[in-house]
Amino acid sequence: MGSLARDTNAGIHNQNLMGSCWMIVSMGAFAIEDALIKVASKTLPIGEVLILFGLGGVVIYAGVLFLTREPLFIPDVLSRVMLLRVIFEITGRLFYVLAIAFIPLSTATVILQATPLVVIAGAVLVFGEKVGWRRWVAIILGLIGVIVIIQPGTQGFSLLSLLAIIGMFGFAGRDLASRAAPATLGTSRLGLYGFLSVVFAGVLYSLWAKTPLVVPEREASLALLGSIIFGVLAYSYLMKAMRTGEVSAVTPFRYTRLLFGVALGLLLFDEVITPAIAIGSALIVLSGLFIIWRGKQQNAT
């Protein structure tokens, strides 16, 4: 029996290790996707970036569904939850891409890390989940970290940083809607309609901004192609990570996206890490890790 237990624990450990590796690779790919979108947005209108990026993802996921002989459309796609998911996806993608284009990549990436905190708070309100006072304190501290980063009421405050916050809330709403989505909507189908939402967001923004489409130059074309490839890979690796190891063991490695995003901002865009960003980042990450640890402790009792 002792040998069997050791083998079981070793198997779980190996799965968690592999899942953690997939999560780190996924977060690195997401950070590269963000950086490439920032590069493309320097010479292309934001709406066009969204349209082309979304179309690339649509083609890839439609191809996957075609190869697996799954229908592109089923009635559940038009469910109320999916319509809400589309609205949140459009909001998250549009405002986060605007944030990437107009504020430092490191700042946008750090603010995005508060998404899990908002998701947990939303789960309490929407799904009636129970969260103790310790985790509520952690959530509040994490959101204070966001406030520290954007520095409202000071000379360092920029209204453009609100773009990242709106995008973060959009992604949190999307994650909550995804949890409530019908089970018939698998990863590939969710990915397909998620990227269709990006196309729609690009069209809406282009009509609002009244910016004409332009022919992408070589650098922008390569950046867009790379962002599509890394975006799809990141999403696939994320799903693989969540299905390989235990959620409590794998999820903390989501915060490695912050390290990748900050590093790319420093190396590619000559960004500077201010004390406010460093302190705010620490509050967000520590709050998130405490919430994960606390949840694991409660599940063990």
Protein backbone atom coordinates (compact mmCIF):
# COMPACT_ATOMS: atom_id res chain seq x y z
CA MET A 1 0.00 0.00 0.00
CA GLY A 2 2.86 2.38 0.84
CA SER A 3 4.48 1.77 -2.53
CA LEU A 4 1.16 2.39 -4.31
CA ALA A 5 0.66 5.66 -2.44
CA ARG A 6 4.19 6.80 -3.34
CA ASP A 7 3.58 5.96 -7.00
CA THR A 8 0.29 7.86 -6.93
CA ASN A 9 1.91 10.91 -5.32
CA ALA A 10 4.77 10.75 -7.81
CA GLY A 11 2.27 10.63 -10.68
CA ILE A 12 0.39 13.67 -9.35
CA HIS A 13 3.68 15.50 -8.82
CA ASN A 14 4.77 14.82 -12.39
CA GLN A 15 1.40 15.96 -13.74
CA ASN A 16 1.58 19.16 -11.70
CA LEU A 17 5.13 19.78 -12.89
CA MET A 18 4.12 19.29 -16.54
CA GLY A 19 1.00 21.42 -16.09
CA SER A 20 3.07 24.19 -14.52
CA CYS A 21 5.49 24.10 -17.46
CA TRP A 22 2.59 24.38 -19.93
CA MET A 23 1.24 27.33 -17.94
CA ILE A 24 4.58 29.15 -18.00
CA VAL A 25 4.91 28.57 -21.76
CA SER A 26 1.33 29.80 -22.23
CA MET A 27 1.94 33.00 -20.28
CA GLY A 28 5.14 33.64 -22.23
CA ALA A 29 3.25 33.21 -25.50
CA PHE A 30 0.51 35.61 -24.33
CA ALA A 31 3.15 38.22 -23.47
CA ILE A 32 4.77 37.85 -26.90
CA GLU A 33 1.32 38.20 -28.50
CA ASP A 34 0.81 41.48 -26.61
CA ALA A 35 4.21 42.80 -27.66
CA LEU A 36 3.62 41.96 -31.33
CA ILE A 37 0.20 43.65 -31.26
CA LYS A 38 1.88 46.75 -29.81
CA VAL A 39 4.39 46.68 -32.69
CA ALA A 40 1.63 46.30 -35.31
CA SER A 41 -0.44 49.13 -33.78
CA LYS A 42 2.40 51.60 -34.35
CA THR A 43 1.73 51.68 -38.11
CA LEU A 44 -1.79 50.24 -38.41
CA PRO A 45 -5.12 51.60 -37.13
CA ILE A 46 -6.27 49.87 -33.95
CA GLY A 47 -9.49 48.71 -35.60
CA GLU A 48 -7.59 47.08 -38.45
CA VAL A 49 -5.25 45.34 -36.02
CA LEU A 50 -8.25 43.84 -34.23
CA ILE A 51 -9.94 42.81 -37.49
CA LEU A 52 -6.88 41.08 -38.95
CA PHE A 53 -5.92 39.48 -35.63
CA GLY A 54 -9.46 38.20 -35.15
CA LEU A 55 -9.73 36.85 -38.70
CA GLY A 56 -6.50 34.93 -38.26
CA GLY A 57 -7.81 33.23 -35.12
CA VAL A 58 -11.16 32.51 -36.79
CA VAL A 59 -9.44 30.76 -39.70
CA ILE A 60 -7.32 28.60 -37.40
CA TYR A 61 -10.14 27.53 -35.08
CA ALA A 62 -12.54 26.98 -37.98
CA GLY A 63 -9.88 24.74 -39.52
CA VAL A 64 -9.56 22.77 -36.27
CA LEU A 65 -13.34 22.26 -36.10
CA PHE A 66 -13.38 21.22 -39.76
CA LEU A 67 -10.61 18.66 -39.23
CA THR A 68 -12.36 17.21 -36.19
CA ARG A 69 -15.66 17.21 -38.13
CA GLU A 70 -17.42 19.36 -35.57
CA PRO A 71 -20.07 21.83 -36.76
CA LEU A 72 -19.14 25.51 -36.66
CA PHE A 73 -22.58 26.48 -35.39
CA ILE A 74 -24.91 24.86 -32.89
CA PRO A 75 -28.03 26.44 -31.29
CA ASP A 76 -26.27 26.94 -27.93
CA VAL A 77 -24.07 29.56 -29.60
CA LEU A 78 -27.08 31.91 -29.44
CA SER A 79 -27.75 31.29 -25.75
CA ARG A 80 -28.02 34.30 -23.44
CA VAL A 81 -24.79 33.39 -21.68
CA MET A 82 -22.89 33.27 -24.97
CA LEU A 83 -24.26 36.66 -26.00
CA LEU A 84 -23.03 38.07 -22.70
CA ARG A 85 -19.67 36.41 -23.28
CA VAL A 86 -19.41 38.08 -26.69
CA ILE A 87 -20.16 41.50 -25.18
CA PHE A 88 -17.51 41.03 -22.48
CA GLU A 89 -15.03 39.64 -25.02
CA ILE A 90 -15.50 42.68 -27.25
CA THR A 91 -15.04 45.01 -24.27
CA GLY A 92 -11.98 43.19 -22.95
CA ARG A 93 -10.21 42.81 -26.27
CA LEU A 94 -10.93 46.31 -27.55
CA PHE A 95 -9.89 48.21 -24.45
CA TYR A 96 -6.90 45.99 -23.67
CA VAL A 97 -5.52 46.40 -27.22
CA LEU A 98 -6.07 50.16 -26.88
CA ALA A 99 -4.16 50.02 -23.60
CA ILE A 100 -1.30 48.09 -25.20
CA ALA A 101 -1.12 50.68 -27.97
CA PHE A 102 -1.21 53.81 -25.79
CA ILE A 103 0.40 52.94 -22.45
CA PRO A 104 3.54 50.98 -21.52
CA LEU A 105 3.20 47.22 -22.09
CA SER A 106 4.46 46.54 -18.57
CA THR A 107 1.72 48.70 -17.02
CA ALA A 108 -1.06 47.08 -19.07
CA THR A 109 0.25 43.60 -18.25
CA VAL A 110 0.41 44.29 -14.52
CA ILE A 111 -3.13 45.68 -14.39
CA LEU A 112 -4.39 42.62 -16.27
CA GLN A 113 -3.10 40.39 -13.46
CA ALA A 114 -5.93 41.68 -11.26
CA THR A 115 -8.44 39.79 -13.44
CA PRO A 116 -8.57 36.67 -11.18
CA LEU A 117 -9.38 38.89 -8.19
CA VAL A 118 -12.34 40.43 -10.02
CA VAL A 119 -13.45 36.97 -11.20
CA ILE A 120 -13.55 35.70 -7.62
CA ALA A 121 -15.53 38.73 -6.46
CA GLY A 122 -17.88 38.29 -9.42
CA ALA A 123 -18.35 34.59 -8.63
CA VAL A 124 -19.66 35.58 -5.20
CA LEU A 125 -22.18 37.98 -6.69
CA VAL A 126 -23.20 35.88 -9.72
CA PHE A 127 -22.85 32.27 -8.58
CA GLY A 128 -23.27 32.72 -4.83
CA GLU A 129 -19.88 31.23 -4.03
CA LYS A 130 -18.65 31.57 -0.45
CA VAL A 131 -15.56 33.67 0.19
CA GLY A 132 -14.31 34.28 3.74
CA TRP A 133 -13.20 37.60 5.16
CA ARG A 134 -9.50 36.78 4.63
CA ARG A 135 -9.95 36.35 0.90
CA TRP A 136 -12.08 39.50 0.75
CA VAL A 137 -9.22 41.39 2.38
CA ALA A 138 -6.83 39.91 -0.19
CA ILE A 139 -9.14 40.95 -3.05
CA ILE A 140 -9.33 44.52 -1.70
CA LEU A 141 -5.53 44.67 -1.28
CA GLY A 142 -5.07 43.46 -4.85
CA LEU A 143 -7.42 46.15 -6.17
CA ILE A 144 -5.54 48.71 -4.05
CA GLY A 145 -2.47 47.52 -5.95
CA VAL A 146 -4.18 48.59 -9.20
CA ILE A 147 -4.89 52.01 -7.67
CA VAL A 148 -1.24 52.33 -6.62
CA ILE A 149 -0.17 51.63 -10.22
CA ILE A 150 -2.46 54.17 -11.89
CA GLN A 151 -1.82 56.81 -9.16
CA PRO A 152 -5.10 58.77 -9.34
CA GLY A 153 -4.88 62.37 -8.16
CA THR A 154 -1.14 62.64 -8.82
CA GLN A 155 0.99 63.96 -11.67
CA GLY A 156 1.73 60.37 -12.69
CA PHE A 157 -1.95 59.63 -13.35
CA SER A 158 -3.02 59.11 -16.95
CA LEU A 159 -6.60 58.60 -18.08
CA LEU A 160 -5.25 56.16 -20.66
CA SER A 161 -4.50 53.69 -17.85
CA LEU A 162 -8.27 53.34 -17.42
CA LEU A 163 -8.27 51.56 -20.80
CA ALA A 164 -6.42 48.64 -19.21
CA ILE A 165 -8.80 48.61 -16.23
CA ILE A 166 -11.88 48.49 -18.48
CA GLY A 167 -10.22 45.73 -20.50
CA MET A 168 -9.46 43.81 -17.31
CA PHE A 169 -13.12 44.00 -16.20
CA GLY A 170 -14.17 42.87 -19.68
CA PHE A 171 -11.94 39.79 -19.47
CA ALA A 172 -13.23 39.03 -15.97
CA GLY A 173 -16.80 39.12 -17.27
CA ARG A 174 -15.82 36.88 -20.16
CA ASP A 175 -14.28 34.32 -17.78
CA LEU A 176 -17.41 34.30 -15.62
CA ALA A 177 -19.63 33.87 -18.70
CA SER A 178 -17.35 31.07 -19.95
CA ARG A 179 -17.88 29.21 -16.71
CA ALA A 180 -21.65 29.39 -17.20
CA ALA A 181 -21.50 28.56 -20.93
CA PRO A 182 -23.25 25.35 -22.10
CA ALA A 183 -21.07 22.23 -21.90
CA THR A 184 -21.69 21.61 -25.62
CA LEU A 185 -19.38 24.53 -26.43
CA GLY A 186 -15.88 23.10 -26.35
CA THR A 187 -12.53 24.89 -26.39
CA SER A 188 -12.26 25.20 -30.18
CA ARG A 189 -15.80 26.52 -30.60
CA LEU A 190 -15.33 29.03 -27.78
CA GLY A 191 -12.07 30.07 -29.40
CA LEU A 192 -13.78 30.51 -32.77
CA TYR A 193 -16.50 32.79 -31.44
CA GLY A 194 -14.04 34.57 -29.18
CA PHE A 195 -11.98 35.60 -32.21
CA LEU A 196 -15.14 36.48 -34.13
CA SER A 197 -15.88 38.88 -31.28
CA VAL A 198 -12.46 40.44 -31.84
CA VAL A 199 -13.31 41.00 -35.51
CA PHE A 200 -16.60 42.62 -34.49
CA ALA A 201 -14.78 44.83 -31.97
CA GLY A 202 -12.41 45.95 -34.72
CA VAL A 203 -15.27 46.79 -37.07
CA LEU A 204 -17.09 48.79 -34.38
CA TYR A 205 -13.98 50.74 -33.46
CA SER A 206 -13.12 51.44 -37.12
CA LEU A 207 -16.62 52.82 -37.73
CA TRP A 208 -16.45 54.95 -34.58
CA ALA A 209 -12.93 56.27 -35.26
CA LYS A 210 -13.63 56.64 -39.00
CA THR A 211 -10.13 55.44 -39.83
CA PRO A 212 -9.59 54.00 -43.32
CA LEU A 213 -7.95 50.61 -43.69
CA VAL A 214 -4.37 50.64 -44.95
CA VAL A 215 -2.15 48.04 -46.59
CA PRO A 216 0.10 46.61 -43.85
CA GLU A 217 3.83 47.04 -44.36
CA ARG A 218 6.24 44.14 -43.95
CA GLU A 219 6.97 44.72 -40.26
CA ALA A 220 3.30 45.12 -39.33
CA SER A 221 2.32 42.05 -41.39
CA LEU A 222 4.93 39.88 -39.68
CA ALA A 223 3.95 41.23 -36.26
CA LEU A 224 0.29 40.44 -36.89
CA LEU A 225 1.06 36.96 -38.19
CA GLY A 226 3.22 36.30 -35.16
CA SER A 227 0.56 37.62 -32.76
CA ILE A 228 -2.03 35.29 -34.29
CA ILE A 229 0.26 32.26 -34.03
CA PHE A 230 1.37 33.01 -30.48
CA GLY A 231 -2.19 33.92 -29.44
CA VAL A 232 -3.60 30.59 -30.59
CA LEU A 233 -0.66 28.66 -29.11
CA ALA A 234 -1.03 30.50 -25.80
CA TYR A 235 -4.73 29.67 -25.59
CA SER A 236 -4.10 26.02 -26.46
CA TYR A 237 -1.27 25.69 -23.93
CA LEU A 238 -3.45 27.31 -21.27
CA MET A 239 -6.16 24.71 -21.83
CA LYS A 240 -3.52 21.97 -21.76
CA ALA A 241 -2.10 23.28 -18.50
CA MET A 242 -5.50 23.39 -16.79
CA ARG A 243 -6.21 19.83 -17.90
CA THR A 244 -2.82 18.35 -16.99
CA GLY A 245 -2.18 19.33 -13.38
CA GLU A 246 -4.23 20.24 -10.35
CA VAL A 247 -5.79 23.70 -10.66
CA SER A 248 -4.36 24.82 -7.30
CA ALA A 249 -0.86 23.78 -8.37
CA VAL A 250 -0.95 25.19 -11.89
CA THR A 251 -2.88 28.46 -11.47
CA PRO A 252 -0.18 30.40 -9.51
CA PHE A 253 2.06 30.23 -12.56
CA ARG A 254 -0.37 32.55 -14.38
CA TYR A 255 1.51 35.37 -12.71
CA THR A 256 4.62 34.60 -14.76
CA ARG A 257 2.89 36.61 -17.51
CA LEU A 258 3.69 39.67 -15.45
CA LEU A 259 7.42 38.83 -15.54
CA PHE A 260 7.36 38.18 -19.28
CA GLY A 261 5.36 41.35 -20.00
CA VAL A 262 7.63 43.55 -17.89
CA ALA A 263 10.76 42.00 -19.42
CA LEU A 264 9.51 42.55 -22.98
CA GLY A 265 8.54 46.13 -22.11
CA LEU A 266 12.05 46.81 -20.83
CA LEU A 267 13.87 45.09 -23.70
CA LEU A 268 11.75 46.07 -26.71
CA PHE A 269 10.15 49.39 -25.78
CA ASP A 270 12.67 50.93 -23.34
CA GLU A 271 10.06 51.14 -20.59
CA VAL A 272 10.91 52.00 -17.00
CA ILE A 273 9.62 50.19 -13.91
CA THR A 274 8.55 52.83 -11.41
CA PRO A 275 8.24 52.23 -7.65
CA ALA A 276 4.44 52.50 -8.02
CA ILE A 277 4.38 49.66 -10.57
CA ALA A 278 6.69 47.53 -8.41
CA ILE A 279 4.58 48.03 -5.24
CA GLY A 280 1.28 47.59 -7.06
CA SER A 281 2.54 44.43 -8.78
CA ALA A 282 3.60 42.96 -5.44
CA LEU A 283 0.17 43.66 -3.92
CA ILE A 284 -1.67 42.08 -6.86
CA VAL A 285 0.52 38.97 -7.05
CA LEU A 286 0.66 38.35 -3.30
CA SER A 287 -3.11 38.81 -3.01
CA GLY A 288 -3.72 36.35 -5.83
CA LEU A 289 -1.32 33.76 -4.43
CA PHE A 290 -2.88 34.06 -0.95
CA ILE A 291 -6.37 33.51 -2.39
CA ILE A 292 -5.18 30.39 -4.21
CA TRP A 293 -3.43 29.09 -1.08
CA ARG A 294 -6.44 29.83 1.11
CA GLY A 295 -8.76 28.05 -1.30
CA LYS A 296 -6.47 25.02 -1.29
CA GLN A 297 -6.42 24.97 2.52
CA GLN A 298 -10.23 25.07 2.71
CA ASN A 299 -10.59 22.28 0.13
CA ALA A 300 -8.23 20.12 2.17
CA THR A 301 -10.37 20.42 5.33
